[in-house]
Protein backbone atom coordinates (compact mmCIF):
# COMPACT_ATOMS: atom_id res chain seq x y z
CA UNK A 1 6.36 -15.06 5.58
CA UNK A 2 3.18 -14.06 3.65
CA UNK A 3 1.81 -10.75 3.43
CA UNK A 4 -1.90 -9.94 2.76
CA UNK A 5 -2.69 -6.53 0.57
CA UNK A 6 -6.03 -5.19 1.34
CA UNK A 7 -7.24 -3.17 -1.38
CA UNK A 8 -10.21 -0.78 -2.28
CA UNK A 9 -10.71 1.84 -4.80
CA UNK A 10 -11.79 5.72 -4.47
CA UNK A 11 -13.69 7.50 -7.54
CA UNK A 12 -13.89 4.67 -10.07
CA UNK A 13 -17.74 5.10 -9.07
CA UNK A 14 -17.64 8.60 -10.91
CA UNK A 15 -17.90 10.35 -7.54
CA UNK A 16 -16.92 13.91 -7.46
CA UNK A 17 -13.44 13.28 -6.14
CA UNK A 18 -10.61 15.05 -7.64
CA UNK A 19 -8.28 11.95 -7.98
CA UNK A 20 -9.24 8.25 -8.43
CA UNK A 21 -7.31 5.99 -6.22
CA UNK A 22 -6.51 2.03 -6.00
CA UNK A 23 -4.67 1.55 -3.11
CA UNK A 24 -4.42 -0.33 0.32
CA UNK A 25 -2.54 -1.66 3.27
CA UNK A 26 0.06 -4.34 3.20
CA UNK A 27 0.05 -6.50 6.35
CA UNK A 28 2.14 -9.49 7.60
CA UNK A 29 -0.14 -12.65 8.10
CA UNK A 30 1.21 -12.95 11.37
CA UNK A 31 0.35 -9.58 12.49
CA UNK A 32 -3.41 -9.39 10.87
CA UNK A 33 -5.25 -10.60 14.18
CA UNK A 34 -3.14 -8.46 16.51
CA UNK A 35 -4.31 -5.51 14.34
CA UNK A 36 -7.54 -5.97 14.04
CA UNK A 37 -7.85 -6.58 17.99
CA UNK A 38 -5.96 -3.22 18.67
CA UNK A 39 -8.09 -1.64 16.00
CA UNK A 40 -11.38 -3.05 17.63
CA UNK A 41 -10.13 -1.74 21.17
CA UNK A 42 -9.36 1.77 19.64
CA UNK A 43 -12.89 1.76 18.40
CA UNK A 44 -14.29 1.23 21.91
CA UNK A 45 -11.51 3.73 23.28
CA UNK A 46 -12.86 6.57 21.41
CA UNK A 47 -16.53 5.72 20.78
CA UNK A 48 -17.49 4.05 24.08
CA UNK A 49 -18.51 1.22 22.24
CA UNK A 50 -18.01 -0.35 18.53
CA UNK A 51 -18.86 2.34 16.08
CA UNK A 52 -19.31 -0.54 13.11
CA UNK A 53 -21.35 -2.55 15.23
CA UNK A 54 -24.29 -2.03 13.30
CA UNK A 55 -25.15 -0.42 9.74
CA UNK A 56 -22.55 2.36 10.28
CA UNK A 57 -19.06 1.80 8.60
CA UNK A 58 -15.68 3.28 9.18
CA UNK A 59 -15.26 5.00 5.83
CA UNK A 60 -12.84 8.06 5.04
CA UNK A 61 -16.13 9.85 3.63
CA UNK A 62 -18.00 9.56 7.23
CA UNK A 63 -14.90 9.85 9.36
CA UNK A 64 -13.04 12.89 7.49
CA UNK A 65 -15.66 14.66 5.37
CA UNK A 66 -15.48 18.35 5.88
CA UNK A 67 -18.14 18.53 8.07
CA UNK A 68 -16.38 16.33 10.51
CA UNK A 69 -13.40 19.13 10.92
CA UNK A 70 -16.08 21.81 11.24
CA UNK A 71 -18.00 19.92 14.24
CA UNK A 72 -14.59 18.98 15.90
CA UNK A 73 -13.57 22.73 15.95
CA UNK A 74 -16.67 24.24 17.18
CA UNK A 75 -15.64 23.43 21.00
CA UNK A 76 -12.39 23.42 22.81
CA UNK A 77 -10.64 19.92 22.44
CA UNK A 78 -12.01 17.26 25.19
CA UNK A 79 -10.24 15.09 27.38
CA UNK A 80 -10.18 11.58 26.23
CA UNK A 81 -12.68 10.48 29.09
CA UNK A 82 -15.24 13.21 28.53
CA UNK A 83 -14.94 12.87 24.60
CA UNK A 84 -15.70 9.21 24.74
CA UNK A 85 -18.56 9.55 27.16
CA UNK A 86 -19.95 11.94 24.86
CA UNK A 87 -19.27 10.14 21.78
CA UNK A 88 -21.01 7.46 23.12
CA UNK A 89 -24.03 9.26 23.98
CA UNK A 90 -24.08 10.92 20.50
CA UNK A 91 -23.86 7.46 18.64
CA UNK A 92 -26.63 6.07 21.02
CA UNK A 93 -29.08 9.52 20.73
CA UNK A 94 -29.01 9.54 16.72
CA UNK A 95 -30.85 12.35 15.93
CA UNK A 96 -31.53 13.71 19.07
CA UNK A 97 -27.82 14.64 19.90
CA UNK A 98 -26.87 17.99 21.32
CA UNK A 99 -23.78 20.37 20.32
CA UNK A 100 -21.57 18.75 22.94
CA UNK A 101 -22.49 15.35 22.00
CA UNK A 102 -22.00 16.09 18.10
CA UNK A 103 -18.37 17.79 18.93
CA UNK A 104 -17.40 14.87 20.86
CA UNK A 105 -18.24 12.39 18.07
CA UNK A 106 -16.38 14.24 15.61
CA UNK A 107 -13.29 14.88 17.75
CA UNK A 108 -13.51 11.10 18.56
CA UNK A 109 -13.30 10.17 14.76
CA UNK A 110 -10.62 12.37 14.00
CA UNK A 111 -8.68 10.83 17.05
CA UNK A 112 -9.63 7.18 16.19
CA UNK A 113 -8.20 7.78 12.62
CA UNK A 114 -4.87 8.98 14.08
CA UNK A 115 -4.83 6.09 16.64
CA UNK A 116 -5.43 3.63 13.55
CA UNK A 117 -2.39 5.12 11.59
CA UNK A 118 -0.19 4.75 14.75
CA UNK A 119 -1.45 0.96 14.74
CA UNK A 120 -0.40 0.61 11.10
CA UNK A 121 3.05 1.85 11.78
CA UNK A 122 3.37 -0.20 14.90
CA UNK A 123 2.60 -3.48 13.10
CA UNK A 124 5.07 -2.50 10.25
CA UNK A 125 1.89 -2.09 7.24
CA UNK A 126 2.65 -0.74 4.35
CA UNK A 127 0.53 1.54 1.73
CA UNK A 128 0.32 1.11 -1.83
CA UNK A 129 -1.66 3.18 -4.17
CA UNK A 130 -2.22 4.30 -8.01
CA UNK A 131 -3.41 7.68 -8.26
CA UNK A 132 -5.17 8.81 -11.43
CA UNK A 133 -6.68 12.07 -12.63
CA UNK A 134 -10.39 11.93 -12.83
CA UNK A 135 -10.55 14.19 -15.89
CA UNK A 136 -8.47 11.71 -17.90
CA UNK A 137 -10.30 9.47 -20.69
CA UNK A 138 -11.35 6.09 -19.25
CA UNK A 139 -10.32 3.37 -21.90
CA UNK A 140 -12.49 1.17 -23.46
CA UNK A 141 -12.57 -2.18 -21.86
CA UNK A 142 -10.45 -4.61 -23.70
CA UNK A 143 -10.08 -7.51 -21.55
CA UNK A 144 -6.40 -6.23 -20.16
CA UNK A 145 -5.50 -5.43 -16.88
CA UNK A 146 -5.65 -1.90 -16.51
CA UNK A 147 -2.18 0.08 -16.14
CA UNK A 148 -3.47 1.29 -12.40
CA UNK A 149 -3.74 -2.54 -11.36
CA UNK A 150 -0.41 -3.48 -12.97
CA UNK A 151 1.21 -0.63 -11.06
CA UNK A 152 -0.25 -1.77 -7.65
CA UNK A 153 0.79 -4.93 -8.36
CA UNK A 154 4.66 -4.24 -9.41
CA UNK A 155 5.27 -2.24 -6.10
CA UNK A 156 3.77 -5.02 -4.26
CA UNK A 157 5.82 -7.39 -6.07
CA UNK A 158 9.35 -5.16 -5.53
CA UNK A 159 8.32 -4.80 -1.58
CA UNK A 160 8.02 -8.58 -1.28
CA UNK A 161 11.19 -8.93 -3.29
CA UNK A 162 13.08 -6.97 -0.95
CA UNK A 163 11.52 -8.49 2.44
CA UNK A 164 12.30 -12.09 1.21
CA UNK A 165 12.53 -13.55 -2.10
CA UNK A 166 10.74 -16.64 -0.87
CA UNK A 167 7.79 -14.55 0.68
CA UNK A 168 4.01 -14.49 -0.67
CA UNK A 169 1.79 -11.89 -1.18
CA UNK A 170 -1.93 -12.39 -1.52
CA UNK A 171 -4.14 -9.50 -2.63
CA UNK A 172 -7.49 -8.89 -0.94
CA UNK A 173 -10.22 -6.76 -2.97
CA UNK A 174 -13.36 -5.01 -1.54
CA UNK A 175 -15.97 -7.25 -3.31
CA UNK A 176 -17.36 -5.31 -6.43
CA UNK A 177 -20.70 -6.36 -8.39
CA UNK A 178 -20.57 -10.13 -9.38
CA UNK A 179 -19.59 -9.80 -12.98
CA UNK A 180 -16.92 -6.90 -12.26
CA UNK A 181 -15.42 -9.38 -9.87
CA UNK A 182 -15.25 -12.04 -12.53
CA UNK A 183 -13.78 -9.70 -15.00
CA UNK A 184 -11.11 -8.66 -12.34
CA UNK A 185 -10.20 -12.27 -11.70
CA UNK A 186 -9.81 -13.02 -15.38
CA UNK A 187 -7.59 -9.87 -16.18
CA UNK A 188 -5.33 -10.75 -13.25
CA UNK A 189 -5.03 -14.27 -14.37
CA UNK A 190 -4.30 -13.37 -18.13
CA UNK A 191 -1.73 -10.98 -16.69
CA UNK A 192 -0.12 -13.49 -14.44
CA UNK A 193 -0.19 -16.09 -17.16
CA UNK A 194 0.37 -14.43 -20.20
CA UNK A 195 3.09 -11.56 -19.76
CA UNK A 196 6.49 -11.96 -18.77
CA UNK A 197 6.58 -9.82 -16.15
CA UNK A 198 3.36 -11.35 -14.60
CA UNK A 199 4.91 -14.94 -14.99
CA UNK A 200 7.83 -13.65 -13.03
CA UNK A 201 5.72 -11.90 -10.36
CA UNK A 202 3.29 -14.79 -10.10
CA UNK A 203 6.43 -16.37 -8.08
CA UNK A 204 5.51 -14.34 -5.09
CA UNK A 205 1.68 -12.98 -5.80
CA UNK A 206 -0.93 -15.25 -5.95
CA UNK A 207 -2.36 -14.44 -9.37
CA UNK A 208 -6.15 -15.26 -8.43
CA UNK A 209 -7.67 -12.25 -5.73
CA UNK A 210 -9.83 -12.60 -2.84
CA UNK A 211 -13.05 -10.77 -2.52
CA UNK A 212 -14.39 -9.84 0.96
CA UNK A 213 -17.13 -7.41 2.50
CA UNK A 214 -15.76 -3.99 3.15
CA UNK A 215 -18.10 -3.66 6.49
CA UNK A 216 -16.64 -7.00 7.80
CA UNK A 217 -12.91 -6.52 7.07
CA UNK A 218 -10.64 -4.34 9.11
CA UNK A 219 -8.28 -4.41 6.44
CA UNK A 220 -10.40 -3.11 3.65
CA UNK A 221 -11.79 -0.45 5.99
CA UNK A 222 -8.07 1.05 6.60
CA UNK A 223 -7.61 0.83 2.62
CA UNK A 224 -10.85 2.65 2.35
CA UNK A 225 -9.19 5.52 4.96
CA UNK A 226 -5.61 5.41 2.92
CA UNK A 227 -7.61 5.90 -0.60
CA UNK A 228 -9.83 8.78 0.83
CA UNK A 229 -6.71 10.80 2.29
CA UNK A 230 -4.83 10.22 -1.01
CA UNK A 231 -7.56 11.48 -3.15
CA UNK A 232 -8.43 14.60 -1.05
CA UNK A 233 -5.28 15.36 0.68
CA UNK A 234 -1.95 13.98 -0.90
CA UNK A 235 -0.23 16.11 -3.53
CA UNK A 236 2.66 15.96 -5.65
CA UNK A 237 3.71 18.05 -8.57
CA UNK A 238 1.97 16.27 -11.12
CA UNK A 239 -1.41 16.63 -9.33
CA UNK A 240 -3.05 20.17 -10.20
CA UNK A 241 -5.90 20.13 -8.19
CA UNK A 242 -5.65 21.62 -4.63
CA UNK A 243 -5.62 19.14 -1.56
CA UNK A 244 -7.81 19.89 1.62
CA UNK A 245 -5.37 21.54 4.04
CA UNK A 246 -7.05 20.06 7.13
CA UNK A 247 -6.09 16.73 5.93
CA UNK A 248 -2.19 17.46 5.79
CA UNK A 249 -1.43 15.78 9.48
CA UNK A 250 -3.11 12.50 7.96
CA UNK A 251 -1.60 12.71 4.87
CA UNK A 252 1.97 12.77 6.49
CA UNK A 253 0.80 9.72 8.54
CA UNK A 254 -0.01 7.95 5.42
CA UNK A 255 2.85 9.06 3.65
CA UNK A 256 4.93 7.51 6.24
CA UNK A 257 3.61 3.95 5.44
CA UNK A 258 5.05 4.16 1.95
CA UNK A 259 7.54 1.75 0.59
CA UNK A 260 10.65 2.75 -1.07
CA UNK A 261 12.04 0.50 -3.54
CA UNK A 262 15.46 1.03 -5.35
CA UNK A 263 15.92 -0.92 -8.82
CA UNK A 264 18.04 -0.50 -11.91
CA UNK A 265 15.95 1.37 -14.41
CA UNK A 266 16.23 3.28 -17.85
CA UNK A 267 20.02 3.26 -17.62
CA UNK A 268 20.01 4.34 -13.66
CA UNK A 269 21.36 1.71 -11.08
CA UNK A 270 19.75 3.42 -8.21
CA UNK A 271 16.21 4.29 -9.65
CA UNK A 272 13.70 5.16 -6.62
CA UNK A 273 10.32 3.76 -7.08
CA UNK A 274 7.85 4.69 -4.24
CA UNK A 275 4.85 2.43 -3.57
CA UNK A 276 2.49 5.57 -4.56
CA UNK A 277 2.30 5.97 -8.42
CA UNK A 278 0.66 8.86 -10.22
CA UNK A 279 -0.69 7.79 -13.71
CA UNK A 280 -1.98 9.73 -16.42
CA UNK A 281 -2.52 7.14 -18.61
CA UNK A 282 -4.93 4.14 -17.83
CA UNK A 283 -4.48 1.96 -21.12
CA UNK A 284 -3.47 -1.37 -20.54
CA UNK A 285 -0.40 -3.32 -22.19
CA UNK A 286 -1.52 -5.93 -24.70
CA UNK A 287 -1.05 -9.63 -23.65
CA UNK A 288 2.21 -11.06 -24.91
CA UNK A 289 1.69 -14.35 -26.50
């Protein structure tokens, strides 16, 4: 049994998001192709054709920005056939689309995201994330794996350990600039080879990550939607900035994909560890020789 954790990051390019998020979706290997096919069918069902067939990407900032919600609400909800017909006309017409077409496309975007999370639930996917306040100071690059990555890998490991101690996990990142990719590969290698926890977890997580193009990889596109929703909509008591209310229904769906692990920790035999971690300090721990 093997799981692939598709990972993307939000806010690390210093775009004006309130919270930085590193996160993604874990999918069992034998279910990946079925999920991909079902996601493509959902595209065609909602848009009348592949939305991502050309330069357009199925990214959170395109599908769930405030403008989409405003356009979707400017007319009554359309039935599925009418919505799909006019959404396709909007995509084909580009800048020449009228109000009905724009409304249909906006409604189709929201319905597609809803369908996608239903598919994630059907295929028993699990969501993982490290959430950081954007106003926290960023630590200097010291060659060590940053804490948000460590927490993400820790929670993925707990999931694998609970599913089956002999299961294997692979981490798949959205491709970074080449020098950044090399740095991350080296940091993960150092973590898995030169820390006691990392060495233990390398028994179930492959220490070397994989990199793919986001516009060609369904798993990364789903990860992008998850981290967008968490950044702009998910809130717990440690997060002081208000979230966008219109995202609440999607936040609920993403939260249902969390994984709940229980471990003995800090003297507590049944300490609950959720797969979403809110972090207030990004400093990495030094390597143990």
